């Protein structure tokens, strides 16, 4: 449903410019699109997750409704942790090329030193409807939509933008799986 708040989160150490094309498209579609505060995506994992959680709480409180979150790359892994911790504040979660299991962040060089963090303790599906443009663990309202794209080009890929807009456009409480016939060129049977 257009008009609800959306938080677009770039990858670790990424600036908000990385999601500019996607955000611009969603704003044209009528969504209230927001970004993390400057500097949010830098620092230790726990600090980044805490900053994102604060931003989601702030946006949900201001809007008086849950927020949809789009998380790209490691930003998707962080936003998944927020969705698991704050289900009442998250309308839906969309991850783009997010590493959601295994050794998703082997060293801490981008964070300014050795990583003393572990991958997310829980990789179970969040309670909010969740779409991953990559591989995710299945859950009752979790799906994986395959996108043909480079990792760095994912947020500007027309197929990604189409899928994101489709997922955000679902009515509250009326989640349904994505029908991929259009973007993969299959017959609509």
N, C-alpha and C. Protein backbone atom coordinates (compact mmCIF):
# COMPACT_ATOMS: atom_id res chain seq x y z
N UNK A 1 0.84 -1.17 0.00
CA UNK A 1 0.00 0.00 0.00
C UNK A 1 0.89 1.24 0.00
N UNK A 2 0.79 2.06 -1.01
CA UNK A 2 1.62 3.26 -1.13
C UNK A 2 1.33 4.20 0.03
N UNK A 3 2.34 4.97 0.38
CA UNK A 3 2.19 5.95 1.43
C UNK A 3 2.80 5.54 2.74
N UNK A 4 2.97 4.25 2.96
CA UNK A 4 3.54 3.85 4.24
C UNK A 4 5.05 4.11 4.25
N UNK A 5 5.64 4.23 5.45
CA UNK A 5 7.07 4.54 5.53
C UNK A 5 7.94 3.36 5.12
N UNK A 6 9.02 3.68 4.44
CA UNK A 6 10.00 2.69 3.97
C UNK A 6 11.39 3.18 4.36
N UNK A 7 12.19 2.30 4.94
CA UNK A 7 13.58 2.61 5.27
C UNK A 7 14.47 1.83 4.32
N UNK A 8 15.28 2.53 3.51
CA UNK A 8 16.19 1.90 2.55
C UNK A 8 17.60 1.92 3.13
N UNK A 9 18.15 0.73 3.41
CA UNK A 9 19.43 0.60 4.11
C UNK A 9 20.50 0.06 3.16
N UNK A 10 21.60 0.81 2.97
CA UNK A 10 22.69 0.32 2.11
C UNK A 10 23.53 -0.72 2.84
N UNK A 11 24.55 -1.21 2.16
CA UNK A 11 25.46 -2.18 2.76
C UNK A 11 26.38 -1.53 3.79
N UNK A 12 27.15 -2.37 4.45
CA UNK A 12 28.08 -1.91 5.48
C UNK A 12 29.03 -0.87 4.91
N UNK A 13 29.19 0.22 5.60
CA UNK A 13 30.03 1.35 5.22
C UNK A 13 29.55 2.04 3.96
N UNK A 14 28.39 1.64 3.46
CA UNK A 14 27.83 2.27 2.27
C UNK A 14 27.06 3.52 2.64
N UNK A 15 27.11 4.49 1.77
CA UNK A 15 26.35 5.71 1.99
C UNK A 15 24.96 5.60 1.37
N UNK A 16 24.12 6.54 1.70
CA UNK A 16 22.75 6.52 1.20
C UNK A 16 22.66 6.73 -0.31
N UNK A 17 23.72 7.24 -0.93
CA UNK A 17 23.71 7.41 -2.39
C UNK A 17 23.54 6.06 -3.10
N UNK A 18 23.97 4.98 -2.46
CA UNK A 18 23.87 3.66 -3.08
C UNK A 18 22.42 3.25 -3.32
N UNK A 19 21.48 3.79 -2.58
CA UNK A 19 20.07 3.41 -2.75
C UNK A 19 19.25 4.54 -3.39
N UNK A 20 19.91 5.56 -3.93
CA UNK A 20 19.21 6.74 -4.44
C UNK A 20 18.22 6.42 -5.56
N UNK A 21 18.60 5.60 -6.52
CA UNK A 21 17.71 5.29 -7.64
C UNK A 21 16.46 4.57 -7.15
N UNK A 22 16.64 3.57 -6.32
CA UNK A 22 15.51 2.83 -5.76
C UNK A 22 14.62 3.75 -4.93
N UNK A 23 15.21 4.58 -4.10
CA UNK A 23 14.43 5.50 -3.26
C UNK A 23 13.65 6.49 -4.11
N UNK A 24 14.26 7.00 -5.14
CA UNK A 24 13.59 7.96 -6.02
C UNK A 24 12.37 7.31 -6.67
N UNK A 25 12.53 6.09 -7.17
CA UNK A 25 11.42 5.38 -7.80
C UNK A 25 10.29 5.16 -6.79
N UNK A 26 10.63 4.72 -5.60
CA UNK A 26 9.59 4.45 -4.59
C UNK A 26 8.89 5.74 -4.15
N UNK A 27 9.62 6.84 -4.09
CA UNK A 27 9.00 8.13 -3.75
C UNK A 27 8.00 8.54 -4.83
N UNK A 28 8.35 8.31 -6.09
CA UNK A 28 7.43 8.61 -7.19
C UNK A 28 6.17 7.76 -7.07
N UNK A 29 6.32 6.52 -6.58
CA UNK A 29 5.18 5.62 -6.39
C UNK A 29 4.34 6.00 -5.16
N UNK A 30 4.79 6.98 -4.40
CA UNK A 30 4.01 7.47 -3.27
C UNK A 30 4.43 7.01 -1.89
N UNK A 31 5.57 6.34 -1.79
CA UNK A 31 6.04 5.88 -0.48
C UNK A 31 6.80 6.99 0.23
N UNK A 32 6.71 6.99 1.55
CA UNK A 32 7.48 7.91 2.38
C UNK A 32 8.82 7.24 2.65
N UNK A 33 9.80 7.52 1.79
CA UNK A 33 11.08 6.80 1.82
C UNK A 33 12.09 7.54 2.70
N UNK A 34 12.75 6.77 3.57
CA UNK A 34 13.72 7.32 4.50
C UNK A 34 15.04 6.57 4.38
N UNK A 35 16.08 7.17 4.95
CA UNK A 35 17.40 6.56 4.97
C UNK A 35 17.89 6.49 6.41
N UNK A 36 18.90 5.66 6.65
CA UNK A 36 19.53 5.69 7.98
C UNK A 36 20.20 7.05 8.18
N UNK A 37 20.36 7.44 9.42
CA UNK A 37 21.07 8.68 9.70
C UNK A 37 22.53 8.54 9.26
N UNK A 38 23.16 9.66 8.95
CA UNK A 38 24.55 9.66 8.50
C UNK A 38 25.43 8.94 9.52
N UNK A 39 26.29 8.06 9.03
CA UNK A 39 27.22 7.34 9.89
C UNK A 39 26.66 6.07 10.50
N UNK A 40 25.39 5.79 10.29
CA UNK A 40 24.76 4.60 10.88
C UNK A 40 25.46 3.32 10.47
N UNK A 41 25.88 3.21 9.23
CA UNK A 41 26.40 1.95 8.71
C UNK A 41 27.89 1.76 8.97
N UNK A 42 28.46 2.53 9.87
CA UNK A 42 29.87 2.39 10.21
C UNK A 42 30.00 1.99 11.68
N UNK A 43 30.96 1.11 11.94
CA UNK A 43 31.22 0.72 13.31
C UNK A 43 30.97 -0.76 13.55
N UNK A 44 31.01 -1.14 14.81
CA UNK A 44 30.80 -2.53 15.19
C UNK A 44 29.38 -2.97 14.86
N UNK A 45 29.22 -4.23 14.56
CA UNK A 45 27.92 -4.76 14.16
C UNK A 45 26.82 -4.41 15.15
N UNK A 46 27.06 -4.65 16.43
CA UNK A 46 26.03 -4.38 17.44
C UNK A 46 25.63 -2.91 17.44
N UNK A 47 26.59 -2.03 17.20
CA UNK A 47 26.31 -0.59 17.15
C UNK A 47 25.45 -0.26 15.94
N UNK A 48 25.78 -0.83 14.79
CA UNK A 48 25.00 -0.59 13.57
C UNK A 48 23.57 -1.08 13.75
N UNK A 49 23.40 -2.28 14.28
CA UNK A 49 22.06 -2.84 14.49
C UNK A 49 21.28 -1.96 15.47
N UNK A 50 21.91 -1.51 16.54
CA UNK A 50 21.23 -0.65 17.51
C UNK A 50 20.79 0.67 16.88
N UNK A 51 21.65 1.26 16.05
CA UNK A 51 21.29 2.51 15.37
C UNK A 51 20.11 2.29 14.42
N UNK A 52 20.15 1.18 13.67
CA UNK A 52 19.04 0.89 12.76
C UNK A 52 17.75 0.64 13.53
N UNK A 53 17.84 -0.08 14.64
CA UNK A 53 16.65 -0.33 15.47
C UNK A 53 16.06 0.98 15.98
N UNK A 54 16.92 1.89 16.41
CA UNK A 54 16.44 3.20 16.87
C UNK A 54 15.75 3.96 15.74
N UNK A 55 16.33 3.88 14.54
CA UNK A 55 15.74 4.59 13.39
C UNK A 55 14.38 4.00 13.03
N UNK A 56 14.26 2.67 13.05
CA UNK A 56 12.98 2.02 12.76
C UNK A 56 11.94 2.43 13.80
N UNK A 57 12.31 2.42 15.07
CA UNK A 57 11.38 2.82 16.14
C UNK A 57 10.93 4.27 15.96
N UNK A 58 11.89 5.13 15.63
CA UNK A 58 11.59 6.55 15.41
C UNK A 58 10.60 6.73 14.26
N UNK A 59 10.87 6.08 13.13
CA UNK A 59 9.99 6.21 11.96
C UNK A 59 8.60 5.64 12.23
N UNK A 60 8.54 4.48 12.88
CA UNK A 60 7.24 3.87 13.19
C UNK A 60 6.44 4.76 14.13
N UNK A 61 7.10 5.34 15.10
CA UNK A 61 6.43 6.23 16.06
C UNK A 61 5.92 7.49 15.36
N UNK A 62 6.75 8.10 14.53
CA UNK A 62 6.35 9.31 13.80
C UNK A 62 5.18 9.05 12.86
N UNK A 63 5.20 7.90 12.18
CA UNK A 63 4.16 7.58 11.20
C UNK A 63 2.92 6.97 11.84
N UNK A 64 3.05 6.46 13.05
CA UNK A 64 1.93 5.79 13.69
C UNK A 64 1.59 4.46 13.06
N UNK A 65 2.57 3.87 12.40
CA UNK A 65 2.38 2.57 11.74
C UNK A 65 3.74 1.90 11.53
N UNK A 66 3.75 0.59 11.33
CA UNK A 66 5.01 -0.12 11.09
C UNK A 66 5.69 0.33 9.79
N UNK A 67 6.98 0.10 9.74
CA UNK A 67 7.84 0.51 8.64
C UNK A 67 8.23 -0.70 7.79
N UNK A 68 8.26 -0.53 6.48
CA UNK A 68 8.86 -1.55 5.62
C UNK A 68 10.34 -1.23 5.52
N UNK A 69 11.16 -2.28 5.55
CA UNK A 69 12.61 -2.08 5.50
C UNK A 69 13.17 -2.80 4.27
N UNK A 70 14.03 -2.10 3.54
CA UNK A 70 14.78 -2.70 2.44
C UNK A 70 16.24 -2.67 2.86
N UNK A 71 16.87 -3.83 2.96
CA UNK A 71 18.27 -3.91 3.36
C UNK A 71 19.10 -4.57 2.28
N UNK A 72 20.15 -3.89 1.86
CA UNK A 72 20.98 -4.38 0.77
C UNK A 72 22.30 -4.90 1.33
N UNK A 73 22.75 -6.03 0.84
CA UNK A 73 24.03 -6.63 1.21
C UNK A 73 24.05 -6.89 2.72
N UNK A 74 25.14 -6.54 3.39
CA UNK A 74 25.21 -6.76 4.84
C UNK A 74 24.15 -5.92 5.55
N UNK A 75 23.74 -4.82 4.94
CA UNK A 75 22.63 -4.04 5.50
C UNK A 75 21.37 -4.88 5.62
N UNK A 76 21.19 -5.84 4.72
CA UNK A 76 20.06 -6.76 4.80
C UNK A 76 20.16 -7.70 5.99
N UNK A 77 21.38 -8.15 6.29
CA UNK A 77 21.57 -9.01 7.46
C UNK A 77 21.28 -8.22 8.74
N UNK A 78 21.71 -6.97 8.78
CA UNK A 78 21.44 -6.14 9.95
C UNK A 78 19.94 -5.85 10.09
N UNK A 79 19.28 -5.52 8.98
CA UNK A 79 17.85 -5.20 9.07
C UNK A 79 17.03 -6.43 9.45
N UNK A 80 17.51 -7.59 9.08
CA UNK A 80 16.82 -8.82 9.48
C UNK A 80 16.87 -8.97 11.00
N UNK A 81 18.00 -8.62 11.61
CA UNK A 81 18.10 -8.66 13.07
C UNK A 81 17.12 -7.67 13.70
N UNK A 82 16.97 -6.50 13.10
CA UNK A 82 16.02 -5.51 13.60
C UNK A 82 14.59 -6.05 13.49
N UNK A 83 14.26 -6.65 12.35
CA UNK A 83 12.91 -7.20 12.16
C UNK A 83 12.60 -8.30 13.16
N UNK A 84 13.59 -9.12 13.48
CA UNK A 84 13.39 -10.18 14.47
C UNK A 84 13.20 -9.60 15.87
N UNK A 85 13.91 -8.52 16.18
CA UNK A 85 13.85 -7.93 17.52
C UNK A 85 12.64 -7.01 17.72
N UNK A 86 12.15 -6.40 16.64
CA UNK A 86 11.06 -5.42 16.73
C UNK A 86 9.92 -5.75 15.77
N UNK A 87 9.31 -6.90 15.87
CA UNK A 87 8.27 -7.26 14.89
C UNK A 87 7.10 -6.29 14.86
N UNK A 88 6.81 -5.65 15.97
CA UNK A 88 5.68 -4.72 16.02
C UNK A 88 5.96 -3.43 15.24
N UNK A 89 7.22 -3.14 14.96
CA UNK A 89 7.59 -1.92 14.24
C UNK A 89 7.87 -2.15 12.77
N UNK A 90 7.83 -3.41 12.33
CA UNK A 90 8.21 -3.75 10.96
C UNK A 90 7.03 -4.32 10.19
N UNK A 91 6.63 -3.62 9.13
CA UNK A 91 5.53 -4.07 8.27
C UNK A 91 5.98 -5.20 7.37
N UNK A 92 7.16 -5.00 6.74
CA UNK A 92 7.73 -6.03 5.86
C UNK A 92 9.23 -5.79 5.77
N UNK A 93 9.93 -6.85 5.38
CA UNK A 93 11.38 -6.79 5.22
C UNK A 93 11.73 -7.32 3.84
N UNK A 94 12.52 -6.55 3.11
CA UNK A 94 13.01 -6.96 1.80
C UNK A 94 14.53 -6.88 1.85
N UNK A 95 15.19 -8.00 1.57
CA UNK A 95 16.65 -7.99 1.55
C UNK A 95 17.13 -8.20 0.12
N UNK A 96 18.20 -7.50 -0.23
CA UNK A 96 18.77 -7.57 -1.57
C UNK A 96 20.20 -8.09 -1.47
N UNK A 97 20.44 -9.30 -1.94
CA UNK A 97 21.79 -9.85 -1.93
C UNK A 97 22.39 -9.91 -0.54
N UNK A 98 21.58 -10.21 0.45
CA UNK A 98 22.04 -10.20 1.84
C UNK A 98 22.60 -11.56 2.25
N UNK A 99 23.76 -11.56 2.91
CA UNK A 99 24.32 -12.81 3.43
C UNK A 99 23.62 -13.15 4.74
N UNK A 100 22.75 -14.14 4.71
CA UNK A 100 21.93 -14.43 5.89
C UNK A 100 22.33 -15.68 6.64
N UNK A 101 23.40 -16.32 6.22
CA UNK A 101 23.88 -17.48 6.96
C UNK A 101 25.36 -17.67 6.65
N UNK A 102 26.00 -18.53 7.43
CA UNK A 102 27.41 -18.82 7.19
C UNK A 102 28.31 -17.70 7.65
N UNK A 103 29.47 -17.64 7.06
CA UNK A 103 30.47 -16.65 7.44
C UNK A 103 30.24 -15.39 6.61
N UNK A 104 29.28 -14.60 7.01
CA UNK A 104 28.85 -13.46 6.21
C UNK A 104 29.71 -12.23 6.37
N UNK A 105 30.57 -12.20 7.35
CA UNK A 105 31.45 -11.05 7.52
C UNK A 105 32.75 -11.54 8.13
N UNK A 106 33.66 -12.06 7.30
CA UNK A 106 34.82 -12.77 7.82
C UNK A 106 35.84 -11.93 8.57
N UNK A 107 35.98 -10.66 8.25
CA UNK A 107 36.93 -9.85 9.02
C UNK A 107 36.33 -8.48 9.27
N UNK A 108 36.97 -7.72 10.11
CA UNK A 108 36.41 -6.43 10.49
C UNK A 108 37.11 -5.26 9.85
N UNK A 109 37.81 -5.48 8.75
CA UNK A 109 38.60 -4.41 8.15
C UNK A 109 37.74 -3.20 7.81
N UNK A 110 36.53 -3.42 7.30
CA UNK A 110 35.66 -2.30 6.95
C UNK A 110 35.13 -1.59 8.19
N UNK A 111 35.13 -2.29 9.32
CA UNK A 111 34.62 -1.70 10.56
C UNK A 111 35.74 -1.08 11.39
N UNK A 112 36.97 -1.08 10.88
CA UNK A 112 38.06 -0.43 11.57
C UNK A 112 38.88 -1.32 12.46
N UNK A 113 38.77 -2.62 12.32
CA UNK A 113 39.55 -3.53 13.14
C UNK A 113 39.00 -4.93 13.08
N UNK A 114 39.67 -5.85 13.76
CA UNK A 114 39.21 -7.24 13.73
C UNK A 114 37.78 -7.37 14.24
N UNK A 115 37.02 -8.19 13.58
CA UNK A 115 35.63 -8.40 13.97
C UNK A 115 35.57 -9.39 15.12
N UNK A 116 34.99 -8.98 16.21
CA UNK A 116 34.80 -9.86 17.35
C UNK A 116 33.32 -10.22 17.46
N UNK A 117 32.65 -10.13 16.35
CA UNK A 117 31.21 -10.38 16.32
C UNK A 117 30.92 -11.74 15.71
N UNK A 118 29.78 -12.24 16.01
CA UNK A 118 29.32 -13.49 15.42
C UNK A 118 28.23 -13.16 14.41
N UNK A 119 27.99 -14.08 13.47
CA UNK A 119 26.84 -13.90 12.59
C UNK A 119 25.57 -13.85 13.43
N UNK A 120 24.45 -13.43 12.84
CA UNK A 120 23.21 -13.38 13.60
C UNK A 120 22.96 -14.70 14.31
N UNK A 121 22.56 -14.63 15.58
CA UNK A 121 22.30 -15.85 16.35
C UNK A 121 21.13 -16.61 15.78
N UNK A 122 20.17 -15.90 15.25
CA UNK A 122 18.99 -16.57 14.73
C UNK A 122 18.83 -16.21 13.26
N UNK A 123 18.71 -17.21 12.44
CA UNK A 123 18.44 -16.93 11.03
C UNK A 123 17.05 -17.43 10.68
N UNK A 124 16.20 -17.53 11.69
CA UNK A 124 14.81 -17.89 11.45
C UNK A 124 14.12 -16.73 10.75
N UNK A 125 13.04 -17.05 10.08
CA UNK A 125 12.30 -16.01 9.37
C UNK A 125 11.64 -15.06 10.36
N UNK A 126 11.68 -13.75 10.08
CA UNK A 126 10.98 -12.80 10.93
C UNK A 126 9.47 -13.00 10.82
N UNK A 127 8.72 -12.43 11.75
CA UNK A 127 7.27 -12.57 11.69
C UNK A 127 6.66 -11.65 10.64
N UNK A 128 7.34 -10.57 10.27
CA UNK A 128 6.86 -9.69 9.21
C UNK A 128 7.06 -10.38 7.87
N UNK A 129 6.20 -10.10 6.88
CA UNK A 129 6.44 -10.67 5.55
C UNK A 129 7.84 -10.31 5.08
N UNK A 130 8.55 -11.28 4.52
CA UNK A 130 9.96 -11.11 4.19
C UNK A 130 10.25 -11.62 2.80
N UNK A 131 10.85 -10.78 1.97
CA UNK A 131 11.24 -11.16 0.62
C UNK A 131 12.73 -10.95 0.48
N UNK A 132 13.42 -11.96 -0.03
CA UNK A 132 14.85 -11.83 -0.26
C UNK A 132 15.15 -11.98 -1.73
N UNK A 133 15.88 -11.03 -2.28
CA UNK A 133 16.33 -11.16 -3.66
C UNK A 133 17.66 -11.89 -3.63
N UNK A 134 17.64 -13.05 -3.05
CA UNK A 134 18.78 -13.92 -2.90
C UNK A 134 18.28 -15.12 -2.13
N UNK A 135 19.10 -15.75 -1.33
CA UNK A 135 18.69 -16.96 -0.62
C UNK A 135 18.30 -16.63 0.82
N UNK A 136 17.16 -17.12 1.26
CA UNK A 136 16.70 -16.95 2.62
C UNK A 136 16.17 -18.26 3.14
N UNK A 137 16.12 -18.39 4.43
CA UNK A 137 15.47 -19.55 5.04
C UNK A 137 13.97 -19.38 4.87
N UNK A 138 13.27 -20.45 4.50
CA UNK A 138 11.83 -20.32 4.33
C UNK A 138 11.10 -20.15 5.66
N UNK A 139 10.00 -19.48 5.62
CA UNK A 139 9.12 -19.29 6.76
C UNK A 139 7.72 -19.12 6.22
N UNK A 140 6.74 -18.94 7.09
CA UNK A 140 5.35 -18.86 6.62
C UNK A 140 5.08 -17.70 5.67
N UNK A 141 5.78 -16.59 5.83
CA UNK A 141 5.61 -15.45 4.94
C UNK A 141 6.97 -15.00 4.42
N UNK A 142 7.81 -15.96 4.07
CA UNK A 142 9.15 -15.66 3.57
C UNK A 142 9.29 -16.25 2.18
N UNK A 143 9.90 -15.50 1.30
CA UNK A 143 10.11 -16.00 -0.06
C UNK A 143 11.46 -15.55 -0.58
N UNK A 144 11.90 -16.24 -1.59
CA UNK A 144 13.12 -15.88 -2.28
C UNK A 144 12.76 -15.61 -3.73
N UNK A 145 13.12 -14.45 -4.23
CA UNK A 145 12.87 -14.09 -5.63
C UNK A 145 14.22 -13.96 -6.31
N UNK A 146 14.45 -14.76 -7.32
CA UNK A 146 15.73 -14.72 -8.03
C UNK A 146 15.77 -13.53 -8.97
N UNK A 147 16.83 -12.74 -8.84
CA UNK A 147 17.06 -11.57 -9.69
C UNK A 147 18.38 -11.79 -10.42
N UNK A 148 18.39 -11.57 -11.72
CA UNK A 148 19.62 -11.67 -12.50
C UNK A 148 20.28 -10.30 -12.44
N UNK A 149 21.33 -10.20 -11.63
CA UNK A 149 21.97 -8.91 -11.40
C UNK A 149 23.35 -9.11 -10.77
N UNK A 150 24.19 -8.11 -10.93
CA UNK A 150 25.42 -8.10 -10.15
C UNK A 150 25.06 -7.66 -8.73
N UNK A 151 25.93 -7.94 -7.79
CA UNK A 151 25.66 -7.55 -6.41
C UNK A 151 25.58 -6.02 -6.29
N UNK A 152 26.55 -5.32 -6.87
CA UNK A 152 26.58 -3.87 -6.74
C UNK A 152 25.52 -3.17 -7.59
N UNK A 153 25.00 -3.85 -8.59
CA UNK A 153 23.96 -3.25 -9.43
C UNK A 153 22.55 -3.58 -8.99
N UNK A 154 22.42 -4.35 -7.94
CA UNK A 154 21.11 -4.86 -7.56
C UNK A 154 20.07 -3.77 -7.27
N UNK A 155 20.43 -2.72 -6.57
CA UNK A 155 19.44 -1.70 -6.20
C UNK A 155 19.04 -0.79 -7.35
N UNK A 156 19.72 -0.90 -8.49
CA UNK A 156 19.34 -0.11 -9.66
C UNK A 156 18.81 -0.99 -10.79
N UNK A 157 18.77 -2.28 -10.57
CA UNK A 157 18.30 -3.23 -11.57
C UNK A 157 16.79 -3.10 -11.75
N UNK A 158 16.28 -2.94 -12.98
CA UNK A 158 14.84 -2.79 -13.18
C UNK A 158 14.01 -3.96 -12.62
N UNK A 159 14.54 -5.18 -12.70
CA UNK A 159 13.80 -6.32 -12.14
C UNK A 159 13.69 -6.19 -10.62
N UNK A 160 14.77 -5.77 -9.98
CA UNK A 160 14.75 -5.58 -8.53
C UNK A 160 13.73 -4.52 -8.16
N UNK A 161 13.78 -3.40 -8.85
CA UNK A 161 12.86 -2.29 -8.55
C UNK A 161 11.41 -2.75 -8.71
N UNK A 162 11.13 -3.52 -9.75
CA UNK A 162 9.78 -4.03 -9.97
C UNK A 162 9.34 -4.94 -8.82
N UNK A 163 10.20 -5.87 -8.43
CA UNK A 163 9.85 -6.80 -7.35
C UNK A 163 9.66 -6.05 -6.04
N UNK A 164 10.55 -5.11 -5.73
CA UNK A 164 10.42 -4.34 -4.49
C UNK A 164 9.09 -3.58 -4.47
N UNK A 165 8.76 -2.90 -5.57
CA UNK A 165 7.50 -2.16 -5.63
C UNK A 165 6.30 -3.09 -5.47
N UNK A 166 6.36 -4.26 -6.08
CA UNK A 166 5.27 -5.23 -5.95
C UNK A 166 5.11 -5.69 -4.50
N UNK A 167 6.22 -5.99 -3.85
CA UNK A 167 6.16 -6.47 -2.46
C UNK A 167 5.66 -5.39 -1.52
N UNK A 168 6.10 -4.15 -1.72
CA UNK A 168 5.64 -3.06 -0.87
C UNK A 168 4.17 -2.74 -1.09
N UNK A 169 3.67 -3.01 -2.29
CA UNK A 169 2.30 -2.67 -2.63
C UNK A 169 1.24 -3.60 -2.08
N UNK A 170 1.63 -4.63 -1.39
CA UNK A 170 0.64 -5.55 -0.83
C UNK A 170 -0.10 -4.89 0.33
N UNK A 171 -1.38 -5.19 0.44
CA UNK A 171 -2.19 -4.66 1.54
C UNK A 171 -1.76 -5.30 2.85
N UNK A 172 -1.89 -4.55 3.94
CA UNK A 172 -1.57 -5.07 5.27
C UNK A 172 -2.32 -6.36 5.53
N UNK A 173 -1.59 -7.35 6.03
CA UNK A 173 -2.21 -8.61 6.41
C UNK A 173 -2.65 -9.48 5.25
N UNK A 174 -2.29 -9.11 4.03
CA UNK A 174 -2.73 -9.87 2.85
C UNK A 174 -1.54 -10.32 2.02
N UNK A 175 -0.50 -10.81 2.69
CA UNK A 175 0.70 -11.25 2.00
C UNK A 175 0.39 -12.41 1.06
N UNK A 176 1.01 -12.36 -0.10
CA UNK A 176 0.93 -13.47 -1.05
C UNK A 176 2.30 -13.58 -1.72
N UNK A 177 2.67 -14.77 -2.15
CA UNK A 177 3.98 -14.93 -2.82
C UNK A 177 4.04 -14.13 -4.11
N UNK A 178 5.22 -13.74 -4.48
CA UNK A 178 5.45 -13.01 -5.72
C UNK A 178 5.21 -13.93 -6.91
N UNK A 179 4.50 -13.45 -7.90
CA UNK A 179 4.28 -14.20 -9.13
C UNK A 179 5.35 -13.76 -10.12
N UNK A 180 6.27 -14.66 -10.44
CA UNK A 180 7.46 -14.28 -11.20
C UNK A 180 7.33 -14.35 -12.71
N UNK A 181 6.17 -14.66 -13.24
CA UNK A 181 6.04 -14.84 -14.69
C UNK A 181 6.50 -13.61 -15.47
N UNK A 182 6.16 -12.42 -15.00
CA UNK A 182 6.51 -11.22 -15.76
C UNK A 182 8.01 -11.04 -15.85
N UNK A 183 8.69 -11.06 -14.71
CA UNK A 183 10.09 -10.67 -14.77
C UNK A 183 11.00 -11.76 -15.29
N UNK A 184 10.56 -13.00 -15.32
CA UNK A 184 11.38 -14.06 -15.90
C UNK A 184 10.94 -14.43 -17.31
N UNK A 185 9.87 -13.78 -17.80
CA UNK A 185 9.40 -14.01 -19.15
C UNK A 185 8.69 -15.34 -19.33
N UNK A 186 8.19 -15.92 -18.25
CA UNK A 186 7.48 -17.20 -18.35
C UNK A 186 6.04 -16.96 -18.79
N UNK A 187 5.41 -18.02 -19.25
CA UNK A 187 3.99 -17.93 -19.57
C UNK A 187 3.19 -17.69 -18.30
N UNK A 188 2.17 -16.87 -18.39
CA UNK A 188 1.29 -16.62 -17.25
C UNK A 188 0.18 -17.66 -17.29
N UNK A 189 0.39 -18.76 -16.58
CA UNK A 189 -0.57 -19.87 -16.64
C UNK A 189 -1.49 -19.89 -15.48
